[in-house]
Amino acid sequence: MDTHDATEAARQAEVAAEQASNVWRGVKPVGVFNGALAQDNKDYPEYVDQYHTKTMVNPDLNQAARVATIEGEEASNVWRGVKPVGVFANALTQDHKDYPEHLTEQHKKSMDDAAALEVTRQKAVAQQKAEDAWRSSALTQRKDQKDYPEWVGQYNTKTMDNAAAIEAIRVSGVNKQ
């Protein structure tokens, strides 16, 4: 047999085996423009439902698991006596107090804080009085309790004497040069 003939015979045998396999699997022959969706003659709306069904398999399974978990938690809460938590079931409504009760608590807290600050202030005032008493006695012992106008002349005289002495030193240094 010729090599070309042997190759063609092998090719035809492979094609025949593929066609037999396609018939058994339900695959239709593929033409030039005959692929994908056109192969089984379905249009877009028919495929949309199939795609949607396939797409929703996992979310549906997840939702079923979530619902089962929630139902189990609700049953457990009933057994444990836990009340369901709602959108507004936190903060003040959780302790079942009404406005006047919370107002009284807030007022008490405000007044307690103010009282604590007042105690601290009174301690500081008492300490300042004690220090002022010591300062007064020290001034009394020195016998020089002069007010500002009486001292200003002495301070000014001393300041000006120091400035004059410094200026004299500077002038003598300039004259030596």
C-alpha atoms as a PDB file:
ATOM      1  CA  MET A   1       0.000   0.000   0.000  1.00  0.00           C
ATOM      2  CA  ASP A   2       1.055   3.533  -0.732  1.00  0.00           C
ATOM      3  CA  THR A   3       1.959   5.740   2.230  1.00  0.00           C
ATOM      4  CA  HIS A   4      -0.605   8.289   1.182  1.00  0.00           C
ATOM      5  CA  ASP A   5      -3.317   5.675   0.965  1.00  0.00           C
ATOM      6  CA  ALA A   6      -2.370   4.250   4.373  1.00  0.00           C
ATOM      7  CA  THR A   7      -2.517   7.710   5.940  1.00  0.00           C
ATOM      8  CA  GLU A   8      -5.912   8.433   4.352  1.00  0.00           C
ATOM      9  CA  ALA A   9      -7.301   5.091   5.511  1.00  0.00           C
ATOM     10  CA  ALA A  10      -6.097   5.775   9.068  1.00  0.00           C
ATOM     11  CA  ARG A  11      -7.658   9.250   8.955  1.00  0.00           C
ATOM     12  CA  GLN A  12     -11.013   7.909   7.738  1.00  0.00           C
ATOM     13  CA  ALA A  13     -10.980   5.273  10.468  1.00  0.00           C
ATOM     14  CA  GLU A  14     -10.370   7.981  13.090  1.00  0.00           C
ATOM     15  CA  VAL A  15     -13.153  10.182  11.685  1.00  0.00           C
ATOM     16  CA  ALA A  16     -15.568   7.226  11.684  1.00  0.00           C
ATOM     17  CA  ALA A  17     -14.638   6.408  15.293  1.00  0.00           C
ATOM     18  CA  GLU A  18     -15.162  10.086  16.297  1.00  0.00           C
ATOM     19  CA  GLN A  19     -18.555  10.180  14.565  1.00  0.00           C
ATOM     20  CA  ALA A  20     -19.636   6.998  16.317  1.00  0.00           C
ATOM     21  CA  SER A  21     -18.516   8.463  19.621  1.00  0.00           C
ATOM     22  CA  ASN A  22     -20.412  11.728  18.918  1.00  0.00           C
ATOM     23  CA  VAL A  23     -23.609   9.811  18.169  1.00  0.00           C
ATOM     24  CA  TRP A  24     -23.262   7.879  21.393  1.00  0.00           C
ATOM     25  CA  ARG A  25     -22.612  11.145  23.378  1.00  0.00           C
ATOM     26  CA  GLY A  26     -25.335  13.121  21.557  1.00  0.00           C
ATOM     27  CA  VAL A  27     -22.954  15.630  19.970  1.00  0.00           C
ATOM     28  CA  LYS A  28     -24.161  17.095  16.701  1.00  0.00           C
ATOM     29  CA  PRO A  29     -21.744  17.619  13.820  1.00  0.00           C
ATOM     30  CA  VAL A  30     -19.977  20.961  13.846  1.00  0.00           C
ATOM     31  CA  GLY A  31     -20.169  23.098  10.723  1.00  0.00           C
ATOM     32  CA  VAL A  32     -18.352  26.276   9.811  1.00  0.00           C
ATOM     33  CA  PHE A  33     -20.918  28.632  11.455  1.00  0.00           C
ATOM     34  CA  ASN A  34     -22.400  25.925  13.590  1.00  0.00           C
ATOM     35  CA  GLY A  35     -20.737  26.192  16.995  1.00  0.00           C
ATOM     36  CA  ALA A  36     -21.707  26.979  20.571  1.00  0.00           C
ATOM     37  CA  LEU A  37     -25.341  28.122  20.877  1.00  0.00           C
ATOM     38  CA  ALA A  38     -26.413  27.355  17.307  1.00  0.00           C
ATOM     39  CA  GLN A  39     -25.361  23.733  17.717  1.00  0.00           C
ATOM     40  CA  ASP A  40     -28.513  22.718  19.593  1.00  0.00           C
ATOM     41  CA  ASN A  41     -30.806  25.278  17.918  1.00  0.00           C
ATOM     42  CA  LYS A  42     -31.644  27.129  21.138  1.00  0.00           C
ATOM     43  CA  ASP A  43     -32.052  30.880  21.236  1.00  0.00           C
ATOM     44  CA  TYR A  44     -30.997  33.382  23.900  1.00  0.00           C
ATOM     45  CA  PRO A  45     -34.096  33.241  26.159  1.00  0.00           C
ATOM     46  CA  GLU A  46     -33.829  29.470  26.482  1.00  0.00           C
ATOM     47  CA  TYR A  47     -30.183  29.726  27.514  1.00  0.00           C
ATOM     48  CA  VAL A  48     -30.843  32.569  29.960  1.00  0.00           C
ATOM     49  CA  ASP A  49     -33.004  30.319  32.096  1.00  0.00           C
ATOM     50  CA  GLN A  50     -30.398  27.571  32.051  1.00  0.00           C
ATOM     51  CA  TYR A  51     -27.583  29.995  32.896  1.00  0.00           C
ATOM     52  CA  HIS A  52     -29.625  31.557  35.660  1.00  0.00           C
ATOM     53  CA  THR A  53     -30.440  28.147  37.122  1.00  0.00           C
ATOM     54  CA  LYS A  54     -26.768  27.127  37.078  1.00  0.00           C
ATOM     55  CA  THR A  55     -25.692  30.479  38.495  1.00  0.00           C
ATOM     56  CA  MET A  56     -28.145  30.303  41.371  1.00  0.00           C
ATOM     57  CA  VAL A  57     -27.184  26.811  42.578  1.00  0.00           C
ATOM     58  CA  ASN A  58     -24.427  27.958  44.976  1.00  0.00           C
ATOM     59  CA  PRO A  59     -26.252  31.055  46.282  1.00  0.00           C
ATOM     60  CA  ASP A  60     -29.347  28.933  46.943  1.00  0.00           C
ATOM     61  CA  LEU A  61     -27.258  26.386  48.853  1.00  0.00           C
ATOM     62  CA  ASN A  62     -25.594  29.162  50.860  1.00  0.00           C
ATOM     63  CA  GLN A  63     -28.954  30.783  51.625  1.00  0.00           C
ATOM     64  CA  ALA A  64     -30.397  27.475  52.776  1.00  0.00           C
ATOM     65  CA  ALA A  65     -27.411  26.961  55.107  1.00  0.00           C
ATOM     66  CA  ARG A  66     -27.750  30.537  56.440  1.00  0.00           C
ATOM     67  CA  VAL A  67     -31.491  30.111  57.099  1.00  0.00           C
ATOM     68  CA  ALA A  68     -30.858  26.813  58.873  1.00  0.00           C
ATOM     69  CA  THR A  69     -28.215  28.452  61.082  1.00  0.00           C
ATOM     70  CA  ILE A  70     -30.524  31.357  61.944  1.00  0.00           C
ATOM     71  CA  GLU A  71     -33.387  29.028  62.779  1.00  0.00           C
ATOM     72  CA  GLY A  72     -31.085  26.969  64.987  1.00  0.00           C
ATOM     73  CA  GLU A  73     -29.888  30.133  66.761  1.00  0.00           C
ATOM     74  CA  GLU A  74     -33.476  31.297  67.302  1.00  0.00           C
ATOM     75  CA  ALA A  75     -34.379  27.932  68.829  1.00  0.00           C
ATOM     76  CA  SER A  76     -31.310  28.144  71.048  1.00  0.00           C
ATOM     77  CA  ASN A  77     -32.216  31.699  72.099  1.00  0.00           C
ATOM     78  CA  VAL A  78     -35.694  30.581  73.142  1.00  0.00           C
ATOM     79  CA  TRP A  79     -34.213  27.819  75.268  1.00  0.00           C
ATOM     80  CA  ARG A  80     -31.675  30.235  76.830  1.00  0.00           C
ATOM     81  CA  GLY A  81     -34.206  33.040  77.287  1.00  0.00           C
ATOM     82  CA  VAL A  82     -32.350  35.496  75.044  1.00  0.00           C
ATOM     83  CA  LYS A  83     -34.537  38.201  73.546  1.00  0.00           C
ATOM     84  CA  PRO A  84     -34.144  38.892  69.809  1.00  0.00           C
ATOM     85  CA  VAL A  85     -31.934  41.811  68.897  1.00  0.00           C
ATOM     86  CA  GLY A  86     -33.647  44.312  66.633  1.00  0.00           C
ATOM     87  CA  VAL A  87     -32.466  47.422  64.868  1.00  0.00           C
ATOM     88  CA  PHE A  88     -33.325  49.720  67.798  1.00  0.00           C
ATOM     89  CA  ALA A  89     -32.940  47.138  70.559  1.00  0.00           C
ATOM     90  CA  ASN A  90     -29.602  48.384  71.831  1.00  0.00           C
ATOM     91  CA  ALA A  91     -28.393  51.297  73.945  1.00  0.00           C
ATOM     92  CA  LEU A  92     -31.127  52.695  76.212  1.00  0.00           C
ATOM     93  CA  THR A  93     -33.934  50.311  75.248  1.00  0.00           C
ATOM     94  CA  GLN A  94     -31.945  47.244  76.297  1.00  0.00           C
ATOM     95  CA  ASP A  95     -32.164  48.046  79.998  1.00  0.00           C
ATOM     96  CA  HIS A  96     -35.906  48.824  79.769  1.00  0.00           C
ATOM     97  CA  LYS A  97     -35.558  52.241  81.387  1.00  0.00           C
ATOM     98  CA  ASP A  98     -37.737  55.151  80.441  1.00  0.00           C
ATOM     99  CA  TYR A  99     -36.719  58.803  80.037  1.00  0.00           C
ATOM    100  CA  PRO A 100     -37.225  59.933  83.682  1.00  0.00           C
ATOM    101  CA  GLU A 101     -35.011  57.130  85.013  1.00  0.00           C
ATOM    102  CA  HIS A 102     -32.212  57.978  82.597  1.00  0.00           C
ATOM    103  CA  LEU A 103     -32.624  61.688  83.307  1.00  0.00           C
ATOM    104  CA  THR A 104     -32.207  61.072  87.037  1.00  0.00           C
ATOM    105  CA  GLU A 105     -29.069  58.985  86.447  1.00  0.00           C
ATOM    106  CA  GLN A 106     -27.557  61.591  84.133  1.00  0.00           C
ATOM    107  CA  HIS A 107     -28.347  64.396  86.575  1.00  0.00           C
ATOM    108  CA  LYS A 108     -26.779  62.445  89.450  1.00  0.00           C
ATOM    109  CA  LYS A 109     -23.631  61.815  87.374  1.00  0.00           C
ATOM    110  CA  SER A 110     -23.408  65.499  86.441  1.00  0.00           C
ATOM    111  CA  MET A 111     -23.811  66.605  90.054  1.00  0.00           C
ATOM    112  CA  ASP A 112     -21.328  64.017  91.344  1.00  0.00           C
ATOM    113  CA  ASP A 113     -18.722  65.271  88.865  1.00  0.00           C
ATOM    114  CA  ALA A 114     -19.380  68.885  89.880  1.00  0.00           C
ATOM    115  CA  ALA A 115     -19.142  67.981  93.586  1.00  0.00           C
ATOM    116  CA  ALA A 116     -15.806  66.227  93.016  1.00  0.00           C
ATOM    117  CA  LEU A 117     -14.465  69.298  91.201  1.00  0.00           C
ATOM    118  CA  GLU A 118     -15.677  71.548  94.036  1.00  0.00           C
ATOM    119  CA  VAL A 119     -13.861  69.410  96.618  1.00  0.00           C
ATOM    120  CA  THR A 120     -10.671  69.703  94.577  1.00  0.00           C
ATOM    121  CA  ARG A 121     -11.140  73.471  94.295  1.00  0.00           C
ATOM    122  CA  GLN A 122     -11.713  73.872  98.047  1.00  0.00           C
ATOM    123  CA  LYS A 123      -8.539  71.917  98.785  1.00  0.00           C
ATOM    124  CA  ALA A 124      -6.559  74.185  96.464  1.00  0.00           C
ATOM    125  CA  VAL A 125      -8.044  77.304  98.129  1.00  0.00           C
ATOM    126  CA  ALA A 126      -7.180  75.987 101.590  1.00  0.00           C
ATOM    127  CA  GLN A 127      -3.623  75.230 100.470  1.00  0.00           C
ATOM    128  CA  GLN A 128      -3.280  78.708  98.986  1.00  0.00           C
ATOM    129  CA  LYS A 129      -4.515  80.267 102.254  1.00  0.00           C
ATOM    130  CA  ALA A 130      -1.947  78.284 104.215  1.00  0.00           C
ATOM    131  CA  GLU A 131       0.835  79.435 101.882  1.00  0.00           C
ATOM    132  CA  ASP A 132      -0.374  83.034 102.015  1.00  0.00           C
ATOM    133  CA  ALA A 133      -0.334  82.921 105.807  1.00  0.00           C
ATOM    134  CA  TRP A 134       3.294  81.798 105.721  1.00  0.00           C
ATOM    135  CA  ARG A 135       4.184  84.532 103.256  1.00  0.00           C
ATOM    136  CA  SER A 136       2.423  87.175 105.369  1.00  0.00           C
ATOM    137  CA  SER A 137       4.251  86.141 108.494  1.00  0.00           C
ATOM    138  CA  ALA A 138       7.567  86.244 106.654  1.00  0.00           C
ATOM    139  CA  LEU A 139       6.881  89.758 105.456  1.00  0.00           C
ATOM    140  CA  THR A 140       5.742  90.817 108.913  1.00  0.00           C
ATOM    141  CA  GLN A 141       8.971  89.542 110.432  1.00  0.00           C
ATOM    142  CA  ARG A 142      11.081  91.530 107.972  1.00  0.00           C
ATOM    143  CA  LYS A 143       9.243  94.744 108.704  1.00  0.00           C
ATOM    144  CA  ASP A 144       9.541  95.846 105.079  1.00  0.00           C
ATOM    145  CA  GLN A 145       5.962  95.669 103.920  1.00  0.00           C
ATOM    146  CA  LYS A 146       6.206  98.388 101.302  1.00  0.00           C
ATOM    147  CA  ASP A 147       3.815  98.720  98.420  1.00  0.00           C
ATOM    148  CA  TYR A 148       4.813  99.115  94.753  1.00  0.00           C
ATOM    149  CA  PRO A 149       5.123 102.900  94.611  1.00  0.00           C
ATOM    150  CA  GLU A 150       7.485 102.928  97.582  1.00  0.00           C
ATOM    151  CA  TRP A 151       9.724 100.189  96.161  1.00  0.00           C
ATOM    152  CA  VAL A 152       9.815 101.383  92.573  1.00  0.00           C
ATOM    153  CA  GLY A 153      12.216 104.215  93.344  1.00  0.00           C
ATOM    154  CA  GLN A 154      14.653 101.886  95.112  1.00  0.00           C
ATOM    155  CA  TYR A 155      14.448  99.308  92.280  1.00  0.00           C
ATOM    156  CA  ASN A 156      14.944 101.971  89.650  1.00  0.00           C
ATOM    157  CA  THR A 157      17.910 103.493  91.500  1.00  0.00           C
ATOM    158  CA  LYS A 158      19.637 100.113  91.806  1.00  0.00           C
ATOM    159  CA  THR A 159      18.972  99.291  88.137  1.00  0.00           C
ATOM    160  CA  MET A 160      20.318 102.622  86.953  1.00  0.00           C
ATOM    161  CA  ASP A 161      23.419 102.328  89.191  1.00  0.00           C
ATOM    162  CA  ASN A 162      24.192  98.911  87.629  1.00  0.00           C
ATOM    163  CA  ALA A 163      23.714 100.295  84.131  1.00  0.00           C
ATOM    164  CA  ALA A 164      25.976 103.275  84.874  1.00  0.00           C
ATOM    165  CA  ALA A 165      28.714 100.980  86.224  1.00  0.00           C
ATOM    166  CA  ILE A 166      28.565  98.798  83.106  1.00  0.00           C
ATOM    167  CA  GLU A 167      28.666 101.838  80.843  1.00  0.00           C
ATOM    168  CA  ALA A 168      31.719 103.180  82.711  1.00  0.00           C
ATOM    169  CA  ILE A 169      33.546  99.888  82.147  1.00  0.00           C
ATOM    170  CA  ARG A 170      32.641  99.930  78.443  1.00  0.00           C
ATOM    171  CA  VAL A 171      33.788 103.556  78.002  1.00  0.00           C
ATOM    172  CA  SER A 172      37.108 102.903  79.742  1.00  0.00           C
ATOM    173  CA  GLY A 173      37.682  99.898  77.452  1.00  0.00           C
ATOM    174  CA  VAL A 174      36.965 102.006  74.373  1.00  0.00           C
ATOM    175  CA  ASN A 175      39.271 104.803  75.535  1.00  0.00           C
ATOM    176  CA  LYS A 176      42.196 102.417  76.051  1.00  0.00           C
ATOM    177  CA  GLN A 177      42.155 101.364  72.459  1.00  0.00           C
END
